[in-house]
PDB file of N, CA and C in Angstrom:
ATOM      1  N   MET A   1      99.237 125.105 101.679  1.00  0.00           N
ATOM      2  CA  MET A   1     100.443 124.303 101.558  1.00  0.00           C
ATOM      3  C   MET A   1     100.878 124.277 100.099  1.00  0.00           C
ATOM      4  N   THR A   2     102.121 124.510  99.874  1.00  0.00           N
ATOM      5  CA  THR A   2     102.668 124.421  98.522  1.00  0.00           C
ATOM      6  C   THR A   2     103.105 122.993  98.268  1.00  0.00           C
ATOM      7  N   GLY A   3     103.669 122.733  97.098  1.00  0.00           N
ATOM      8  CA  GLY A   3     104.128 121.396  96.755  1.00  0.00           C
ATOM      9  C   GLY A   3     105.275 120.945  97.644  1.00  0.00           C
ATOM     10  N   LEU A   4     105.470 119.643  97.735  1.00  0.00           N
ATOM     11  CA  LEU A   4     106.564 119.090  98.523  1.00  0.00           C
ATOM     12  C   LEU A   4     107.855 119.139  97.726  1.00  0.00           C
ATOM     13  N   ALA A   5     108.933 119.423  98.397  1.00  0.00           N
ATOM     14  CA  ALA A   5     110.249 119.365  97.766  1.00  0.00           C
ATOM     15  C   ALA A   5     110.665 117.903  97.687  1.00  0.00           C
ATOM     16  N   GLU A   6     111.502 117.578  96.720  1.00  0.00           N
ATOM     17  CA  GLU A   6     111.920 116.192  96.524  1.00  0.00           C
ATOM     18  C   GLU A   6     112.556 115.607  97.779  1.00  0.00           C
ATOM     19  N   GLU A   7     113.321 116.419  98.528  1.00  0.00           N
ATOM     20  CA  GLU A   7     113.956 115.918  99.750  1.00  0.00           C
ATOM     21  C   GLU A   7     112.950 115.658 100.870  1.00  0.00           C
ATOM     22  N   ASP A   8     111.704 116.165 100.734  1.00  0.00           N
ATOM     23  CA  ASP A   8     110.674 115.926 101.735  1.00  0.00           C
ATOM     24  C   ASP A   8     109.966 114.585 101.543  1.00  0.00           C
ATOM     25  N   LEU A   9     110.193 113.940 100.406  1.00  0.00           N
ATOM     26  CA  LEU A   9     109.517 112.679 100.128  1.00  0.00           C
ATOM     27  C   LEU A   9     110.110 111.543 100.947  1.00  0.00           C
ATOM     28  N   GLU A  10     109.257 110.740 101.519  1.00  0.00           N
ATOM     29  CA  GLU A  10     109.694 109.519 102.178  1.00  0.00           C
ATOM     30  C   GLU A  10     109.858 108.459 101.088  1.00  0.00           C
ATOM     31  N   PRO A  11     110.888 107.631 101.183  1.00  0.00           N
ATOM     32  CA  PRO A  11     111.032 106.588 100.175  1.00  0.00           C
ATOM     33  C   PRO A  11     109.839 105.635 100.229  1.00  0.00           C
ATOM     34  N   ALA A  12     109.318 105.298  99.070  1.00  0.00           N
ATOM     35  CA  ALA A  12     108.192 104.373  98.977  1.00  0.00           C
ATOM     36  C   ALA A  12     108.666 103.104  98.286  1.00  0.00           C
ATOM     37  N   VAL A  13     108.173 101.964  98.762  1.00  0.00           N
ATOM     38  CA  VAL A  13     108.527 100.682  98.169  1.00  0.00           C
ATOM     39  C   VAL A  13     107.262  99.839  98.077  1.00  0.00           C
ATOM     40  N   TRP A  14     107.033  99.261  96.897  1.00  0.00           N
ATOM     41  CA  TRP A  14     105.912  98.346  96.703  1.00  0.00           C
ATOM     42  C   TRP A  14     106.492  96.986  96.371  1.00  0.00           C
ATOM     43  N   ARG A  15     105.981  95.948  97.038  1.00  0.00           N
ATOM     44  CA  ARG A  15     106.497  94.590  96.850  1.00  0.00           C
ATOM     45  C   ARG A  15     105.365  93.666  96.414  1.00  0.00           C
ATOM     46  N   PHE A  16     105.614  92.928  95.339  1.00  0.00           N
ATOM     47  CA  PHE A  16     104.655  91.962  94.812  1.00  0.00           C
ATOM     48  C   PHE A  16     105.309  90.588  94.924  1.00  0.00           C
ATOM     49  N   HIS A  17     104.913  89.832  95.938  1.00  0.00           N
ATOM     50  CA  HIS A  17     105.515  88.524  96.190  1.00  0.00           C
ATOM     51  C   HIS A  17     104.919  87.498  95.243  1.00  0.00           C
ATOM     52  N   LEU A  18     105.785  86.664  94.668  1.00  0.00           N
ATOM     53  CA  LEU A  18     105.375  85.669  93.683  1.00  0.00           C
ATOM     54  C   LEU A  18     105.366  84.275  94.287  1.00  0.00           C
ATOM     55  N   HIS A  19     104.503  83.445  93.755  1.00  0.00           N
ATOM     56  CA  HIS A  19     104.450  82.038  94.151  1.00  0.00           C
ATOM     57  C   HIS A  19     105.733  81.352  93.669  1.00  0.00           C
ATOM     58  N   PRO A  20     106.253  80.365  94.411  1.00  0.00           N
ATOM     59  CA  PRO A  20     107.502  79.699  93.999  1.00  0.00           C
ATOM     60  C   PRO A  20     107.434  79.059  92.610  1.00  0.00           C
ATOM     61  N   GLY A  21     106.235  78.714  92.135  1.00  0.00           N
ATOM     62  CA  GLY A  21     106.099  78.105  90.812  1.00  0.00           C
ATOM     63  C   GLY A  21     106.210  79.094  89.664  1.00  0.00           C
ATOM     64  N   VAL A  22     106.197  80.381  89.971  1.00  0.00           N
ATOM     65  CA  VAL A  22     106.267  81.415  88.936  1.00  0.00           C
ATOM     66  C   VAL A  22     107.731  81.763  88.666  1.00  0.00           C
ATOM     67  N   LYS A  23     108.125  81.688  87.399  1.00  0.00           N
ATOM     68  CA  LYS A  23     109.478  82.072  86.989  1.00  0.00           C
ATOM     69  C   LYS A  23     109.423  83.511  86.499  1.00  0.00           C
ATOM     70  N   ALA A  24     110.278  84.371  87.045  1.00  0.00           N
ATOM     71  CA  ALA A  24     110.275  85.792  86.700  1.00  0.00           C
ATOM     72  C   ALA A  24     111.601  86.189  86.067  1.00  0.00           C
ATOM     73  N   SER A  25     111.512  87.036  85.028  1.00  0.00           N
ATOM     74  CA  SER A  25     112.702  87.550  84.355  1.00  0.00           C
ATOM     75  C   SER A  25     112.529  89.040  84.123  1.00  0.00           C
ATOM     76  N   LEU A  26     113.518  89.803  84.536  1.00  0.00           N
ATOM     77  CA  LEU A  26     113.501  91.243  84.305  1.00  0.00           C
ATOM     78  C   LEU A  26     113.757  91.487  82.819  1.00  0.00           C
ATOM     79  N   ALA A  27     112.887  92.252  82.170  1.00  0.00           N
ATOM     80  CA  ALA A  27     113.043  92.547  80.744  1.00  0.00           C
ATOM     81  C   ALA A  27     114.253  93.434  80.519  1.00  0.00           C
ATOM     82  N   ARG A  28     114.748  93.453  79.284  1.00  0.00           N
ATOM     83  CA  ARG A  28     115.933  94.249  78.953  1.00  0.00           C
ATOM     84  C   ARG A  28     115.730  95.734  79.242  1.00  0.00           C
ATOM     85  N   ASP A  29     114.500  96.216  79.093  1.00  0.00           N
ATOM     86  CA  ASP A  29     114.237  97.644  79.341  1.00  0.00           C
ATOM     87  C   ASP A  29     114.205  97.986  80.827  1.00  0.00           C
ATOM     88  N   ARG A  30     114.231  96.970  81.681  1.00  0.00           N
ATOM     89  CA  ARG A  30     114.219  97.105  83.142  1.00  0.00           C
ATOM     90  C   ARG A  30     112.988  97.863  83.640  1.00  0.00           C
ATOM     91  N   LYS A  31     111.936  97.908  82.807  1.00  0.00           N
ATOM     92  CA  LYS A  31     110.693  98.555  83.206  1.00  0.00           C
ATOM     93  C   LYS A  31     109.543  97.557  83.261  1.00  0.00           C
ATOM     94  N   SER A  32     109.857  96.288  82.997  1.00  0.00           N
ATOM     95  CA  SER A  32     108.827  95.262  83.064  1.00  0.00           C
ATOM     96  C   SER A  32     109.454  93.927  83.449  1.00  0.00           C
ATOM     97  N   VAL A  33     108.599  93.022  83.893  1.00  0.00           N
ATOM     98  CA  VAL A  33     109.013  91.681  84.292  1.00  0.00           C
ATOM     99  C   VAL A  33     108.132  90.687  83.549  1.00  0.00           C
ATOM    100  N   ILE A  34     108.760  89.670  82.966  1.00  0.00           N
ATOM    101  CA  ILE A  34     108.028  88.604  82.302  1.00  0.00           C
ATOM    102  C   ILE A  34     107.827  87.487  83.325  1.00  0.00           C
ATOM    103  N   LEU A  35     106.586  87.056  83.477  1.00  0.00           N
ATOM    104  CA  LEU A  35     106.242  85.994  84.423  1.00  0.00           C
ATOM    105  C   LEU A  35     105.792  84.762  83.646  1.00  0.00           C
ATOM    106  N   LEU A  36     106.350  83.613  83.975  1.00  0.00           N
ATOM    107  CA  LEU A  36     105.983  82.359  83.337  1.00  0.00           C
ATOM    108  C   LEU A  36     105.409  81.425  84.392  1.00  0.00           C
ATOM    109  N   LEU A  37     104.155  81.041  84.203  1.00  0.00           N
ATOM    110  CA  LEU A  37     103.487  80.141  85.142  1.00  0.00           C
ATOM    111  C   LEU A  37     103.858  78.696  84.826  1.00  0.00           C
ATOM    112  N   PRO A  38     103.641  77.776  85.762  1.00  0.00           N
ATOM    113  CA  PRO A  38     103.933  76.366  85.494  1.00  0.00           C
ATOM    114  C   PRO A  38     103.168  75.824  84.282  1.00  0.00           C
ATOM    115  N   SER A  39     102.013  76.403  83.976  1.00  0.00           N
ATOM    116  CA  SER A  39     101.201  75.989  82.822  1.00  0.00           C
ATOM    117  C   SER A  39     101.765  76.514  81.505  1.00  0.00           C
ATOM    118  N   LYS A  40     102.889  77.244  81.561  1.00  0.00           N
ATOM    119  CA  LYS A  40     103.541  77.899  80.417  1.00  0.00           C
ATOM    120  C   LYS A  40     102.786  79.133  79.947  1.00  0.00           C
ATOM    121  N   GLU A  41     101.821  79.595  80.709  1.00  0.00           N
ATOM    122  CA  GLU A  41     101.119  80.843  80.420  1.00  0.00           C
ATOM    123  C   GLU A  41     102.039  81.993  80.818  1.00  0.00           C
ATOM    124  N   GLY A  42     102.123  83.013  79.955  1.00  0.00           N
ATOM    125  CA  GLY A  42     103.013  84.130  80.214  1.00  0.00           C
ATOM    126  C   GLY A  42     102.265  85.418  80.507  1.00  0.00           C
ATOM    127  N   TRP A  43     102.863  86.236  81.367  1.00  0.00           N
ATOM    128  CA  TRP A  43     102.304  87.534  81.756  1.00  0.00           C
ATOM    129  C   TRP A  43     103.413  88.562  81.783  1.00  0.00           C
ATOM    130  N   ARG A  44     103.055  89.827  81.550  1.00  0.00           N
ATOM    131  CA  ARG A  44     104.007  90.934  81.662  1.00  0.00           C
ATOM    132  C   ARG A  44     103.512  91.876  82.752  1.00  0.00           C
ATOM    133  N   PHE A  45     104.390  92.162  83.716  1.00  0.00           N
ATOM    134  CA  PHE A  45     104.129  93.126  84.779  1.00  0.00           C
ATOM    135  C   PHE A  45     104.951  94.360  84.440  1.00  0.00           C
ATOM    136  N   LYS A  46     104.319  95.542  84.409  1.00  0.00           N
ATOM    137  CA  LYS A  46     105.075  96.754  84.136  1.00  0.00           C
ATOM    138  C   LYS A  46     104.620  97.878  85.043  1.00  0.00           C
ATOM    139  N   SER A  47     105.487  98.890  85.145  1.00  0.00           N
ATOM    140  CA  SER A  47     105.219 100.028  86.014  1.00  0.00           C
ATOM    141  C   SER A  47     105.793 101.296  85.388  1.00  0.00           C
ATOM    142  N   ASN A  48     105.282 102.432  85.830  1.00  0.00           N
ATOM    143  CA  ASN A  48     105.809 103.713  85.360  1.00  0.00           C
ATOM    144  C   ASN A  48     106.978 104.208  86.209  1.00  0.00           C
ATOM    145  N   CYS A  49     107.304 103.536  87.288  1.00  0.00           N
ATOM    146  CA  CYS A  49     108.416 103.944  88.142  1.00  0.00           C
ATOM    147  C   CYS A  49     109.752 103.513  87.526  1.00  0.00           C
ATOM    148  N   PRO A  50     110.800 104.310  87.713  1.00  0.00           N
ATOM    149  CA  PRO A  50     112.084 104.012  87.074  1.00  0.00           C
ATOM    150  C   PRO A  50     112.873 102.884  87.730  1.00  0.00           C
ATOM    151  N   GLU A  51     112.536 102.491  88.943  1.00  0.00           N
ATOM    152  CA  GLU A  51     113.308 101.450  89.630  1.00  0.00           C
ATOM    153  C   GLU A  51     112.450 100.219  89.857  1.00  0.00           C
ATOM    154  N   LEU A  52     112.542  99.274  88.946  1.00  0.00           N
ATOM    155  CA  LEU A  52     111.820  98.008  89.030  1.00  0.00           C
ATOM    156  C   LEU A  52     112.864  96.900  89.098  1.00  0.00           C
ATOM    157  N   THR A  53     112.808  96.071  90.129  1.00  0.00           N
ATOM    158  CA  THR A  53     113.805  95.017  90.300  1.00  0.00           C
ATOM    159  C   THR A  53     113.134  93.709  90.702  1.00  0.00           C
ATOM    160  N   LEU A  54     113.915  92.648  90.648  1.00  0.00           N
ATOM    161  CA  LEU A  54     113.519  91.345  91.186  1.00  0.00           C
ATOM    162  C   LEU A  54     114.426  91.062  92.368  1.00  0.00           C
ATOM    163  N   GLU A  55     113.826  90.603  93.468  1.00  0.00           N
ATOM    164  CA  GLU A  55     114.603  90.270  94.656  1.00  0.00           C
ATOM    165  C   GLU A  55     114.134  88.939  95.210  1.00  0.00           C
ATOM    166  N   LYS A  56     114.971  88.334  96.024  1.00  0.00           N
ATOM    167  CA  LYS A  56     114.624  87.061  96.662  1.00  0.00           C
ATOM    168  C   LYS A  56     113.515  87.279  97.680  1.00  0.00           C
ATOM    169  N   SER A  57     112.711  86.225  97.887  1.00  0.00           N
ATOM    170  CA  SER A  57     111.644  86.264  98.864  1.00  0.00           C
ATOM    171  C   SER A  57     111.457  84.864  99.436  1.00  0.00           C
ATOM    172  N   ILE A  58     110.610  84.761 100.415  1.00  0.00           N
ATOM    173  CA  ILE A  58     110.271  83.473 101.024  1.00  0.00           C
ATOM    174  C   ILE A  58     108.766  83.314 100.975  1.00  0.00           C
ATOM    175  N   TYR A  59     108.313  82.152 100.543  1.00  0.00           N
ATOM    176  CA  TYR A  59     106.888  81.831 100.478  1.00  0.00           C
ATOM    177  C   TYR A  59     106.595  80.808 101.572  1.00  0.00           C
ATOM    178  N   CYS A  60     105.623  81.105 102.408  1.00  0.00           N
ATOM    179  CA  CYS A  60     105.203  80.172 103.456  1.00  0.00           C
ATOM    180  C   CYS A  60     103.805  79.684 103.093  1.00  0.00           C
ATOM    181  N   GLY A  61     103.756  78.605 102.346  1.00  0.00           N
ATOM    182  CA  GLY A  61     102.489  78.100 101.825  1.00  0.00           C
ATOM    183  C   GLY A  61     101.966  76.937 102.628  1.00  0.00           C
ATOM    184  N   ALA A  62     101.787  75.830 101.954  1.00  0.00           N
ATOM    185  CA  ALA A  62     101.191  74.637 102.541  1.00  0.00           C
ATOM    186  C   ALA A  62     101.892  74.248 103.836  1.00  0.00           C
ATOM    187  N   LEU A  63     101.122  74.162 104.891  1.00  0.00           N
ATOM    188  CA  LEU A  63     101.605  73.763 106.220  1.00  0.00           C
ATOM    189  C   LEU A  63     102.697  74.692 106.748  1.00  0.00           C
ATOM    190  N   GLY A  64     102.833  75.873 106.177  1.00  0.00           N
ATOM    191  CA  GLY A  64     103.804  76.848 106.658  1.00  0.00           C
ATOM    192  C   GLY A  64     105.238  76.544 106.309  1.00  0.00           C
ATOM    193  N   ALA A  65     105.461  75.574 105.430  1.00  0.00           N
ATOM    194  CA  ALA A  65     106.828  75.219 105.048  1.00  0.00           C
ATOM    195  C   ALA A  65     107.402  76.320 104.159  1.00  0.00           C
ATOM    196  N   PRO A  66     108.527  76.929 104.542  1.00  0.00           N
ATOM    197  CA  PRO A  66     109.100  78.008 103.726  1.00  0.00           C
ATOM    198  C   PRO A  66     109.690  77.472 102.416  1.00  0.00           C
ATOM    199  N   ALA A  67     109.516  78.245 101.353  1.00  0.00           N
ATOM    200  CA  ALA A  67     110.076  77.903 100.045  1.00  0.00           C
ATOM    201  C   ALA A  67     110.650  79.173  99.427  1.00  0.00           C
ATOM    202  N   ALA A  68     111.769  79.040  98.749  1.00  0.00           N
ATOM    203  CA  ALA A  68     112.378  80.190  98.080  1.00  0.00           C
ATOM    204  C   ALA A  68     111.471  80.660  96.951  1.00  0.00           C
ATOM    205  N   SER A  69     111.332  81.964  96.831  1.00  0.00           N
ATOM    206  CA  SER A  69     110.554  82.558  95.754  1.00  0.00           C
ATOM    207  C   SER A  69     111.170  83.914  95.414  1.00  0.00           C
ATOM    208  N   GLU A  70     110.483  84.674  94.572  1.00  0.00           N
ATOM    209  CA  GLU A  70     110.963  85.997  94.193  1.00  0.00           C
ATOM    210  C   GLU A  70     109.867  87.021  94.430  1.00  0.00           C
ATOM    211  N   GLN A  71     110.264  88.278  94.404  1.00  0.00           N
ATOM    212  CA  GLN A  71     109.309  89.364  94.515  1.00  0.00           C
ATOM    213  C   GLN A  71     109.698  90.455  93.534  1.00  0.00           C
ATOM    214  N   ILE A  72     108.679  91.098  92.970  1.00  0.00           N
ATOM    215  CA  ILE A  72     108.891  92.267  92.134  1.00  0.00           C
ATOM    216  C   ILE A  72     108.884  93.454  93.087  1.00  0.00           C
ATOM    217  N   VAL A  73     109.909  94.295  93.007  1.00  0.00           N
ATOM    218  CA  VAL A  73     110.020  95.425  93.914  1.00  0.00           C
ATOM    219  C   VAL A  73     110.085  96.715  93.088  1.00  0.00           C
ATOM    220  N   ILE A  74     109.225  97.668  93.459  1.00  0.00           N
ATOM    221  CA  ILE A  74     109.210  98.972  92.810  1.00  0.00           C
ATOM    222  C   ILE A  74     109.607 100.003  93.857  1.00  0.00           C
ATOM    223  N   TYR A  75     110.656 100.752  93.552  1.00  0.00           N
ATOM    224  CA  TYR A  75     111.120 101.799  94.457  1.00  0.00           C
ATOM    225  C   TYR A  75     110.620 103.154  93.976  1.00  0.00           C
ATOM    226  N   GLY A  76     110.060 103.935  94.887  1.00  0.00           N
ATOM    227  CA  GLY A  76     109.555 105.256  94.557  1.00  0.00           C
ATOM    228  C   GLY A  76     110.598 106.344  94.654  1.00  0.00           C
ATOM    229  N   ARG A  77     111.768 106.059  95.214  1.00  0.00           N
ATOM    230  CA  ARG A  77     112.810 107.087  95.304  1.00  0.00           C
ATOM    231  C   ARG A  77     113.293 107.428  93.899  1.00  0.00           C
ATOM    232  N   ASN A  78     113.853 108.584  93.761  1.00  0.00           N
ATOM    233  CA  ASN A  78     114.348 109.078  92.474  1.00  0.00           C
ATOM    234  C   ASN A  78     113.242 109.184  91.433  1.00  0.00           C
ATOM    235  N   TYR A  79     112.010 109.258  91.882  1.00  0.00           N
ATOM    236  CA  TYR A  79     110.876 109.372  90.975  1.00  0.00           C
ATOM    237  C   TYR A  79     110.722 110.826  90.570  1.00  0.00           C
ATOM    238  N   ALA A  80     110.799 111.107  89.296  1.00  0.00           N
ATOM    239  CA  ALA A  80     110.686 112.491  88.810  1.00  0.00           C
ATOM    240  C   ALA A  80     109.243 112.945  88.958  1.00  0.00           C
ATOM    241  N   GLN A  81     109.013 113.949  89.773  1.00  0.00           N
ATOM    242  CA  GLN A  81     107.659 114.433  89.996  1.00  0.00           C
ATOM    243  C   GLN A  81     107.596 115.936  89.754  1.00  0.00           C
ATOM    244  N   LYS A  82     108.092 116.339  88.646  1.00  0.00           N
ATOM    245  CA  LYS A  82     108.140 117.764  88.343  1.00  0.00           C
ATOM    246  C   LYS A  82     106.752 118.353  88.110  1.00  0.00           C
ATOM    247  N   ALA A  83     105.821 117.569  87.582  1.00  0.00           N
ATOM    248  CA  ALA A  83     104.512 118.103  87.206  1.00  0.00           C
ATOM    249  C   ALA A  83     103.503 118.103  88.352  1.00  0.00           C
ATOM    250  N   ALA A  84     103.679 117.218  89.322  1.00  0.00           N
ATOM    251  CA  ALA A  84     102.671 117.102  90.379  1.00  0.00           C
ATOM    252  C   ALA A  84     103.355 116.880  91.723  1.00  0.00           C
ATOM    253  N   PRO A  85     102.746 117.356  92.804  1.00  0.00           N
ATOM    254  CA  PRO A  85     103.355 117.183  94.120  1.00  0.00           C
ATOM    255  C   PRO A  85     103.157 115.790  94.712  1.00  0.00           C
ATOM    256  N   ALA A  86     102.388 114.937  94.061  1.00  0.00           N
ATOM    257  CA  ALA A  86     102.126 113.608  94.609  1.00  0.00           C
ATOM    258  C   ALA A  86     102.714 112.540  93.701  1.00  0.00           C
ATOM    259  N   LEU A  87     103.228 111.495  94.317  1.00  0.00           N
ATOM    260  CA  LEU A  87     103.751 110.355  93.579  1.00  0.00           C
ATOM    261  C   LEU A  87     102.576 109.566  93.013  1.00  0.00           C
ATOM    262  N   LYS A  88     102.592 109.313  91.726  1.00  0.00           N
ATOM    263  CA  LYS A  88     101.528 108.549  91.079  1.00  0.00           C
ATOM    264  C   LYS A  88     102.132 107.300  90.476  1.00  0.00           C
ATOM    265  N   MET A  89     102.203 106.261  91.283  1.00  0.00           N
ATOM    266  CA  MET A  89     102.750 104.994  90.826  1.00  0.00           C
ATOM    267  C   MET A  89     101.647 104.220  90.132  1.00  0.00           C
ATOM    268  N   LYS A  90     101.966 103.698  88.942  1.00  0.00           N
ATOM    269  CA  LYS A  90     101.018 102.879  88.195  1.00  0.00           C
ATOM    270  C   LYS A  90     101.674 101.553  87.881  1.00  0.00           C
ATOM    271  N   TRP A  91     100.874 100.504  87.854  1.00  0.00           N
ATOM    272  CA  TRP A  91     101.376  99.203  87.444  1.00  0.00           C
ATOM    273  C   TRP A  91     100.269  98.489  86.681  1.00  0.00           C
ATOM    274  N   ALA A  92     100.694  97.509  85.866  1.00  0.00           N
ATOM    275  CA  ALA A  92      99.743  96.746  85.063  1.00  0.00           C
ATOM    276  C   ALA A  92     100.251  95.330  84.890  1.00  0.00           C
ATOM    277  N   LEU A  93      99.317  94.435  84.735  1.00  0.00           N
ATOM    278  CA  LEU A  93      99.613  93.021  84.493  1.00  0.00           C
ATOM    279  C   LEU A  93      98.843  92.620  83.257  1.00  0.00           C
ATOM    280  N   LYS A  94      99.551  92.140  82.231  1.00  0.00           N
ATOM    281  CA  LYS A  94      98.910  91.814  80.968  1.00  0.00           C
ATOM    282  C   LYS A  94      99.327  90.417  80.515  1.00  0.00           C
ATOM    283  N   ARG A  95      98.346  89.635  80.103  1.00  0.00           N
ATOM    284  CA  ARG A  95      98.616  88.286  79.614  1.00  0.00           C
ATOM    285  C   ARG A  95      99.293  88.365  78.252  1.00  0.00           C
ATOM    286  N   LEU A  96     100.309  87.534  78.050  1.00  0.00           N
ATOM    287  CA  LEU A  96     101.020  87.487  76.772  1.00  0.00           C
ATOM    288  C   LEU A  96     100.384  86.417  75.899  1.00  0.00           C
ATOM    289  N   ASP A  97     100.346  86.674  74.607  1.00  0.00           N
ATOM    290  CA  ASP A  97      99.764  85.706  73.671  1.00  0.00           C
ATOM    291  C   ASP A  97     100.593  84.437  73.572  1.00  0.00           C
ATOM    292  N   ALA A  98     101.896  84.587  73.481  1.00  0.00           N
ATOM    293  CA  ALA A  98     102.782  83.433  73.371  1.00  0.00           C
ATOM    294  C   ALA A  98     104.101  83.754  74.033  1.00  0.00           C
ATOM    295  N   VAL A  99     104.659  82.756  74.718  1.00  0.00           N
ATOM    296  CA  VAL A  99     105.947  82.947  75.371  1.00  0.00           C
ATOM    297  C   VAL A  99     106.967  82.038  74.712  1.00  0.00           C
TER     298      VAL A  99
END
């Protein structure tokens, strides 16, 4: 089997649902998201994929009561894979020193 053509790729989507207490902001570079916890602790979520967005979500926590929340969404479509036939999505979460 040879490498897959770009049109043969199925769209891939990864979703990271956030707790309603977490405030998320898409960074200016649109390649990372800043997360602020209720404790004022800050984190940076980043990925190597070109399409990183924030979207609405629903959290069903205590007693199943729905609450509005957000999710970090990474889309694998339009991913440049010239060097390898497989999509290699990477992500990282790093604590920030000060927010």
